[in-house]
Protein backbone atom coordinates (compact mmCIF):
# COMPACT_ATOMS: atom_id res chain seq x y z
CA HIS A 1 -10.61 -14.27 6.00
CA TYR A 2 -7.96 -12.71 8.21
CA ASN A 3 -6.37 -9.34 7.43
CA TYR A 4 -4.84 -6.47 9.36
CA VAL A 5 -5.74 -2.98 8.17
CA GLY A 6 -4.01 -0.57 10.55
CA ASP A 7 -4.65 3.19 10.39
CA SER A 8 -5.32 3.01 6.64
CA ILE A 9 -7.79 4.41 4.11
CA LEU A 10 -9.36 2.05 1.58
CA GLY A 11 -11.21 3.39 -1.43
CA TYR A 12 -14.57 2.27 -2.81
CA LYS A 13 -14.60 -1.46 -3.57
CA ALA A 14 -10.91 -1.83 -2.69
CA HIS A 15 -10.28 -5.50 -1.90
CA MET A 16 -7.69 -7.07 0.38
CA GLY A 17 -6.90 -10.73 -0.37
CA ALA A 18 -6.64 -13.29 2.42
CA GLY A 19 -3.76 -12.68 4.82
CA SER A 20 -2.81 -9.29 3.40
CA ILE A 21 -1.65 -6.58 5.79
CA THR A 22 -1.36 -2.81 5.90
CA SER A 23 1.48 -2.23 8.32
CA ASN A 24 1.18 0.98 10.32
CA VAL A 25 4.49 1.24 12.23
CA LYS A 26 8.04 1.07 10.89
CA SER A 27 10.29 -1.58 12.43
CA ASP A 28 12.70 1.14 13.62
CA LYS A 29 9.78 3.14 15.11
CA LYS A 30 10.88 6.31 13.26
CA LEU A 31 8.54 8.92 11.77
CA ILE A 32 6.81 7.91 8.54
CA THR A 33 7.46 9.68 5.25
CA ILE A 34 4.90 9.26 2.47
CA LYS A 35 6.57 9.01 -0.92
CA GLY A 36 4.46 10.54 -3.68
CA PRO A 37 5.02 10.65 -7.44
CA ASP A 38 6.64 14.08 -7.31
CA GLU A 39 7.59 14.73 -3.70
CA ASN A 40 7.89 13.18 -0.26
CA VAL A 41 5.73 14.27 2.66
CA ASP A 42 7.00 14.00 6.23
CA THR A 43 3.96 13.06 8.32
CA GLY A 44 5.47 13.91 11.70
CA ILE A 45 3.85 10.77 13.13
CA LYS A 46 5.00 7.22 13.85
CA LYS A 47 1.76 5.42 13.05
CA ILE A 48 0.00 5.50 9.67
CA GLY A 49 -0.98 2.71 7.31
CA ALA A 50 -1.60 2.62 3.56
CA PHE A 51 -3.85 4.54 1.18
CA LEU A 52 -5.69 2.48 -1.44
CA GLY A 53 -7.65 4.05 -4.28
CA ASP A 54 -11.02 2.87 -5.58
CA TYR A 55 -11.14 -0.64 -7.08
CA VAL A 56 -7.64 -1.61 -5.91
CA GLU A 57 -7.03 -5.37 -5.67
CA VAL A 58 -4.39 -6.57 -3.18
CA GLY A 59 -3.24 -10.18 -3.62
CA CYS A 60 -3.21 -12.73 -0.82
CA GLY A 61 -0.35 -12.52 1.66
CA SER A 62 0.83 -9.07 0.58
CA VAL A 63 2.26 -6.48 2.97
CA LEU A 64 1.74 -2.78 2.32
CA ASN A 65 4.35 -0.86 4.32
CA PRO A 66 3.54 2.30 6.32
CA GLY A 67 2.73 5.31 4.14
CA THR A 68 2.27 3.30 0.93
CA ILE A 69 -0.03 4.82 -1.71
CA VAL A 70 -1.74 2.59 -4.29
CA GLY A 71 -3.54 4.45 -7.08
CA LYS A 72 -7.06 3.56 -8.20
CA GLU A 73 -7.72 0.48 -10.30
CA SER A 74 -4.30 -1.02 -9.55
CA ASN A 75 -3.50 -4.66 -8.80
CA ILE A 76 -0.91 -5.93 -6.34
CA TYR A 77 0.43 -9.44 -7.01
CA PRO A 78 0.12 -11.99 -4.19
CA LEU A 79 2.96 -12.20 -1.65
CA SER A 80 4.24 -8.71 -2.54
CA SER A 81 5.98 -6.35 -0.14
CA VAL A 82 4.95 -2.87 -1.29
CA ARG A 83 6.39 0.48 -0.24
CA GLY A 84 6.18 3.93 -1.74
CA PHE A 85 3.89 4.91 -4.60
CA VAL A 86 2.05 2.71 -7.12
CA PRO A 87 0.48 4.78 -9.94
CA ALA A 88 -3.21 4.42 -10.84
CA GLY A 89 -4.00 1.68 -13.33
CA SER A 90 -0.86 -0.32 -12.58
CA ILE A 91 0.07 -3.92 -11.89
CA TYR A 92 2.62 -4.24 -9.08
CA LYS A 93 4.58 -7.45 -9.64
CA LYS A 94 7.54 -6.88 -7.30
CA GLN A 95 9.76 -4.02 -6.13
CA GLY A 96 10.96 -2.19 -9.23
CA GLU A 97 8.56 -4.01 -11.55
CA ILE A 98 5.36 -2.03 -12.04
CA THR A 99 3.53 -2.12 -15.38
CA LYS A 100 0.49 -0.36 -16.79
CA LYS A 101 -2.68 -2.43 -17.15
C-alpha cells in the first residue's frame, strides 16, 4: 500500500498502516524543533521526519508531523495527526489523549 516516509527512522518491525505519512517539512518552512519528554532540541534544519521505536504500529491514514518521536511498542490510532512525543508503551488516540497500554 501507499505511504510516504520522508527523512525518518523506523525501528525494528515498526509498521505503517495504509496511507500513513511521516511529514518532513513544516508548512511554514521554519526550522524543526524536536520535542522530547524533558526538553526540546533545535535541529537547525528544515527537513526531518519522524522517529519510530521498535514494534510501533501506526494506523491507516495517520500523519506524523516533522520531528515527532513515538516510543517503542506504542500504537497510533487511525486518522491521527501526531506531533511531539509519544511515550513508549502508549496508545495515541488523539491530541491530548494518550494512555498506557
